[in-house]
Amino acid sequence: MTQDHEFAGPMKTKTGRLSIYAVGMRTGIFLAISFVLCVGFGLIFPTMTMYQAWLPLLPGFAWISLSSFVIGLVESFAYGWFVAVLFVPLFNYFSERAAK
């Protein structure tokens, strides 16, 4: 049984708050891996590609060249960090308020 001041898990700090770094890295890597898998799926099954949906979400991305792939990979990772930077402070703020 953990107490509030003890380490509470891999994404939480010793104070029980979520870590922006841990959430950012995990979310960024998850989205980057998802992007790679979707590109691979699109190359294996060209009639079922999703690249049209990515065009407005990933500026500079076009189907498919090495530079476009790298841009999409970097932007996917950056979106993970964007989510973490927005989500973690809000989560920590509201979880502290709910605990009071």
N, C-alpha and C. Protein backbone atom coordinates (compact mmCIF):
# COMPACT_ATOMS: atom_id res chain seq x y z
N MET A 1 0.84 -1.17 0.00
CA MET A 1 0.00 0.00 0.00
C MET A 1 0.89 1.24 0.00
N THR A 2 0.66 2.16 -0.94
CA THR A 2 1.48 3.35 -1.02
C THR A 2 0.80 4.51 -0.30
N GLN A 3 1.61 5.38 0.23
CA GLN A 3 1.11 6.60 0.83
C GLN A 3 1.35 7.74 -0.14
N ASP A 4 0.75 8.90 0.12
CA ASP A 4 0.86 10.03 -0.79
C ASP A 4 2.30 10.48 -1.01
N HIS A 5 3.16 10.37 -0.01
CA HIS A 5 4.52 10.86 -0.15
C HIS A 5 5.47 9.82 -0.75
N GLU A 6 5.01 8.62 -0.98
CA GLU A 6 5.85 7.59 -1.57
C GLU A 6 5.71 7.59 -3.08
N PHE A 7 6.65 6.95 -3.73
CA PHE A 7 6.60 6.80 -5.18
C PHE A 7 5.34 6.03 -5.55
N ALA A 8 4.53 6.59 -6.43
CA ALA A 8 3.22 6.00 -6.69
C ALA A 8 3.09 5.37 -8.06
N GLY A 9 4.15 5.26 -8.80
CA GLY A 9 4.06 4.62 -10.11
C GLY A 9 5.03 5.25 -11.09
N PRO A 10 5.17 4.65 -12.26
CA PRO A 10 6.18 5.11 -13.21
C PRO A 10 5.90 6.48 -13.82
N MET A 11 4.66 6.94 -13.81
CA MET A 11 4.38 8.25 -14.39
C MET A 11 4.15 9.31 -13.33
N LYS A 12 4.27 8.95 -12.06
CA LYS A 12 4.05 9.92 -11.00
C LYS A 12 5.35 10.21 -10.28
N THR A 13 5.43 11.42 -9.75
CA THR A 13 6.60 11.80 -8.96
C THR A 13 6.42 11.30 -7.54
N LYS A 14 7.39 11.56 -6.69
CA LYS A 14 7.31 11.12 -5.29
C LYS A 14 6.16 11.78 -4.55
N THR A 15 5.70 12.92 -5.03
CA THR A 15 4.58 13.61 -4.38
C THR A 15 3.24 13.11 -4.89
N GLY A 16 3.23 12.19 -5.84
CA GLY A 16 1.99 11.66 -6.37
C GLY A 16 1.46 12.42 -7.56
N ARG A 17 2.19 13.43 -8.02
CA ARG A 17 1.77 14.20 -9.19
C ARG A 17 2.28 13.52 -10.46
N LEU A 18 1.56 13.70 -11.55
CA LEU A 18 2.02 13.16 -12.83
C LEU A 18 3.25 13.94 -13.30
N SER A 19 4.17 13.25 -13.91
CA SER A 19 5.38 13.85 -14.45
C SER A 19 5.16 14.20 -15.93
N ILE A 20 5.40 15.47 -16.29
CA ILE A 20 5.24 15.88 -17.69
C ILE A 20 6.22 15.11 -18.57
N TYR A 21 7.45 14.90 -18.09
CA TYR A 21 8.44 14.19 -18.88
C TYR A 21 7.99 12.75 -19.17
N ALA A 22 7.53 12.05 -18.14
CA ALA A 22 7.11 10.65 -18.33
C ALA A 22 5.92 10.55 -19.26
N VAL A 23 4.92 11.39 -19.06
CA VAL A 23 3.73 11.35 -19.91
C VAL A 23 4.08 11.80 -21.33
N GLY A 24 4.92 12.83 -21.46
CA GLY A 24 5.31 13.32 -22.78
C GLY A 24 6.07 12.28 -23.58
N MET A 25 7.04 11.63 -22.94
CA MET A 25 7.81 10.61 -23.64
C MET A 25 6.93 9.42 -24.04
N ARG A 26 6.11 8.96 -23.13
CA ARG A 26 5.26 7.81 -23.43
C ARG A 26 4.23 8.14 -24.51
N THR A 27 3.61 9.28 -24.42
CA THR A 27 2.61 9.64 -25.42
C THR A 27 3.27 9.91 -26.77
N GLY A 28 4.41 10.59 -26.76
CA GLY A 28 5.13 10.87 -28.01
C GLY A 28 5.59 9.61 -28.69
N ILE A 29 6.15 8.69 -27.93
CA ILE A 29 6.61 7.42 -28.51
C ILE A 29 5.43 6.60 -29.00
N PHE A 30 4.33 6.60 -28.25
CA PHE A 30 3.13 5.87 -28.69
C PHE A 30 2.63 6.41 -30.03
N LEU A 31 2.54 7.74 -30.16
CA LEU A 31 2.05 8.31 -31.42
C LEU A 31 3.05 8.09 -32.56
N ALA A 32 4.35 8.15 -32.27
CA ALA A 32 5.35 7.90 -33.31
C ALA A 32 5.28 6.46 -33.79
N ILE A 33 5.15 5.51 -32.87
CA ILE A 33 5.02 4.10 -33.26
C ILE A 33 3.73 3.88 -34.05
N SER A 34 2.65 4.52 -33.62
CA SER A 34 1.38 4.41 -34.35
C SER A 34 1.52 4.94 -35.77
N PHE A 35 2.23 6.05 -35.92
CA PHE A 35 2.47 6.62 -37.26
C PHE A 35 3.24 5.64 -38.13
N VAL A 36 4.31 5.06 -37.59
CA VAL A 36 5.12 4.10 -38.35
C VAL A 36 4.28 2.90 -38.76
N LEU A 37 3.47 2.40 -37.84
CA LEU A 37 2.61 1.25 -38.17
C LEU A 37 1.58 1.60 -39.23
N CYS A 38 1.01 2.80 -39.15
CA CYS A 38 0.04 3.21 -40.16
C CYS A 38 0.68 3.39 -41.53
N VAL A 39 1.90 3.95 -41.57
CA VAL A 39 2.61 4.07 -42.85
C VAL A 39 2.92 2.68 -43.40
N GLY A 40 3.39 1.79 -42.55
CA GLY A 40 3.65 0.42 -42.99
C GLY A 40 2.41 -0.27 -43.52
N PHE A 41 1.30 -0.09 -42.82
CA PHE A 41 0.03 -0.66 -43.28
C PHE A 41 -0.36 -0.08 -44.63
N GLY A 42 -0.16 1.24 -44.79
CA GLY A 42 -0.49 1.89 -46.06
C GLY A 42 0.38 1.42 -47.21
N LEU A 43 1.64 1.07 -46.91
CA LEU A 43 2.52 0.57 -47.97
C LEU A 43 2.17 -0.87 -48.34
N ILE A 44 1.72 -1.65 -47.36
CA ILE A 44 1.34 -3.04 -47.63
C ILE A 44 -0.01 -3.10 -48.33
N PHE A 45 -0.95 -2.26 -47.92
CA PHE A 45 -2.30 -2.23 -48.48
C PHE A 45 -2.58 -0.83 -49.04
N PRO A 46 -2.09 -0.52 -50.23
CA PRO A 46 -2.18 0.85 -50.76
C PRO A 46 -3.61 1.34 -51.01
N THR A 47 -4.56 0.45 -51.12
CA THR A 47 -5.94 0.90 -51.34
C THR A 47 -6.62 1.31 -50.04
N MET A 48 -5.99 1.06 -48.91
CA MET A 48 -6.59 1.36 -47.61
C MET A 48 -5.79 2.39 -46.82
N THR A 49 -5.12 3.31 -47.48
CA THR A 49 -4.27 4.27 -46.79
C THR A 49 -5.10 5.33 -46.08
N MET A 50 -4.50 5.93 -45.05
CA MET A 50 -5.14 7.00 -44.30
C MET A 50 -4.45 8.34 -44.51
N TYR A 51 -3.55 8.42 -45.47
CA TYR A 51 -2.75 9.63 -45.57
C TYR A 51 -3.59 10.87 -45.85
N GLN A 52 -4.76 10.73 -46.47
CA GLN A 52 -5.60 11.89 -46.70
C GLN A 52 -6.06 12.51 -45.38
N ALA A 53 -6.27 11.69 -44.36
CA ALA A 53 -6.66 12.20 -43.05
C ALA A 53 -5.49 12.88 -42.35
N TRP A 54 -4.26 12.47 -42.66
CA TRP A 54 -3.08 13.06 -42.01
C TRP A 54 -2.70 14.41 -42.59
N LEU A 55 -3.04 14.67 -43.86
CA LEU A 55 -2.59 15.89 -44.52
C LEU A 55 -2.93 17.16 -43.75
N PRO A 56 -4.15 17.34 -43.23
CA PRO A 56 -4.41 18.56 -42.45
C PRO A 56 -3.80 18.52 -41.04
N LEU A 57 -3.50 17.34 -40.53
CA LEU A 57 -2.97 17.21 -39.17
C LEU A 57 -1.46 17.29 -39.09
N LEU A 58 -0.77 16.94 -40.16
CA LEU A 58 0.69 16.91 -40.18
C LEU A 58 1.20 17.84 -41.28
N PRO A 59 1.40 19.12 -40.97
CA PRO A 59 1.87 20.06 -42.00
C PRO A 59 3.22 19.62 -42.58
N GLY A 60 3.33 19.66 -43.88
CA GLY A 60 4.55 19.26 -44.57
C GLY A 60 4.57 17.80 -44.95
N PHE A 61 3.60 17.04 -44.49
CA PHE A 61 3.55 15.61 -44.81
C PHE A 61 2.85 15.41 -46.14
N ALA A 62 3.43 14.58 -46.98
CA ALA A 62 2.82 14.17 -48.24
C ALA A 62 3.17 12.70 -48.43
N TRP A 63 2.34 11.97 -49.10
CA TRP A 63 2.56 10.52 -49.25
C TRP A 63 3.55 10.27 -50.34
N ILE A 64 4.51 9.48 -50.23
CA ILE A 64 5.42 9.19 -49.16
C ILE A 64 6.81 9.35 -49.73
N SER A 65 7.61 10.08 -49.05
CA SER A 65 9.04 10.21 -49.35
C SER A 65 9.77 10.14 -48.01
N LEU A 66 11.07 10.01 -48.05
CA LEU A 66 11.83 9.92 -46.81
C LEU A 66 11.67 11.19 -45.98
N SER A 67 11.77 12.35 -46.61
CA SER A 67 11.65 13.60 -45.86
C SER A 67 10.24 13.76 -45.30
N SER A 68 9.24 13.35 -46.06
CA SER A 68 7.86 13.41 -45.58
C SER A 68 7.64 12.45 -44.40
N PHE A 69 8.24 11.28 -44.48
CA PHE A 69 8.13 10.31 -43.39
C PHE A 69 8.75 10.86 -42.11
N VAL A 70 9.93 11.47 -42.24
CA VAL A 70 10.62 12.02 -41.06
C VAL A 70 9.80 13.18 -40.48
N ILE A 71 9.26 14.03 -41.33
CA ILE A 71 8.42 15.14 -40.85
C ILE A 71 7.21 14.58 -40.09
N GLY A 72 6.54 13.59 -40.65
CA GLY A 72 5.38 12.99 -39.98
C GLY A 72 5.75 12.34 -38.66
N LEU A 73 6.90 11.68 -38.61
CA LEU A 73 7.36 11.04 -37.39
C LEU A 73 7.65 12.07 -36.30
N VAL A 74 8.36 13.12 -36.67
CA VAL A 74 8.69 14.18 -35.70
C VAL A 74 7.42 14.88 -35.22
N GLU A 75 6.51 15.18 -36.14
CA GLU A 75 5.27 15.86 -35.75
C GLU A 75 4.39 14.96 -34.87
N SER A 76 4.36 13.68 -35.15
CA SER A 76 3.60 12.75 -34.30
C SER A 76 4.15 12.74 -32.88
N PHE A 77 5.48 12.68 -32.76
CA PHE A 77 6.11 12.72 -31.44
C PHE A 77 5.82 14.04 -30.75
N ALA A 78 5.88 15.14 -31.50
CA ALA A 78 5.60 16.46 -30.92
C ALA A 78 4.16 16.57 -30.45
N TYR A 79 3.22 15.97 -31.17
CA TYR A 79 1.82 15.98 -30.72
C TYR A 79 1.68 15.27 -29.37
N GLY A 80 2.45 14.22 -29.15
CA GLY A 80 2.43 13.55 -27.85
C GLY A 80 2.86 14.48 -26.74
N TRP A 81 3.92 15.25 -26.98
CA TRP A 81 4.37 16.22 -25.99
C TRP A 81 3.36 17.34 -25.82
N PHE A 82 2.71 17.75 -26.89
CA PHE A 82 1.67 18.78 -26.80
C PHE A 82 0.55 18.32 -25.88
N VAL A 83 0.12 17.09 -26.04
CA VAL A 83 -0.92 16.53 -25.17
C VAL A 83 -0.45 16.51 -23.72
N ALA A 84 0.77 16.09 -23.48
CA ALA A 84 1.29 16.02 -22.10
C ALA A 84 1.38 17.40 -21.47
N VAL A 85 1.84 18.38 -22.23
CA VAL A 85 1.99 19.74 -21.68
C VAL A 85 0.64 20.33 -21.32
N LEU A 86 -0.39 19.98 -22.05
CA LEU A 86 -1.74 20.46 -21.71
C LEU A 86 -2.39 19.62 -20.62
N PHE A 87 -2.28 18.30 -20.73
CA PHE A 87 -3.02 17.40 -19.84
C PHE A 87 -2.46 17.33 -18.43
N VAL A 88 -1.15 17.19 -18.30
CA VAL A 88 -0.55 16.92 -16.99
C VAL A 88 -0.79 18.06 -16.00
N PRO A 89 -0.53 19.32 -16.35
CA PRO A 89 -0.81 20.38 -15.36
C PRO A 89 -2.29 20.45 -14.97
N LEU A 90 -3.17 20.25 -15.94
CA LEU A 90 -4.60 20.25 -15.62
C LEU A 90 -4.96 19.08 -14.70
N PHE A 91 -4.44 17.90 -15.01
CA PHE A 91 -4.69 16.73 -14.17
C PHE A 91 -4.18 16.96 -12.75
N ASN A 92 -2.96 17.44 -12.63
CA ASN A 92 -2.38 17.67 -11.31
C ASN A 92 -3.17 18.72 -10.54
N TYR A 93 -3.58 19.79 -11.20
CA TYR A 93 -4.35 20.85 -10.56
C TYR A 93 -5.68 20.32 -10.02
N PHE A 94 -6.41 19.63 -10.88
CA PHE A 94 -7.74 19.16 -10.46
C PHE A 94 -7.67 18.00 -9.49
N SER A 95 -6.64 17.17 -9.58
CA SER A 95 -6.54 16.08 -8.62
C SER A 95 -6.17 16.62 -7.23
N GLU A 96 -5.37 17.68 -7.17
CA GLU A 96 -5.06 18.32 -5.90
C GLU A 96 -6.30 18.97 -5.29
N ARG A 97 -7.09 19.61 -6.13
CA ARG A 97 -8.32 20.26 -5.64
C ARG A 97 -9.31 19.22 -5.14
N ALA A 98 -9.39 18.07 -5.82
CA ALA A 98 -10.33 17.03 -5.41
C ALA A 98 -9.88 16.38 -4.10
N ALA A 99 -8.57 16.37 -3.83
CA ALA A 99 -8.06 15.74 -2.61
C ALA A 99 -8.27 16.62 -1.39
N LYS A 100 -8.53 17.89 -1.58
CA LYS A 100 -8.71 18.82 -0.43
C LYS A 100 -10.09 18.77 0.12
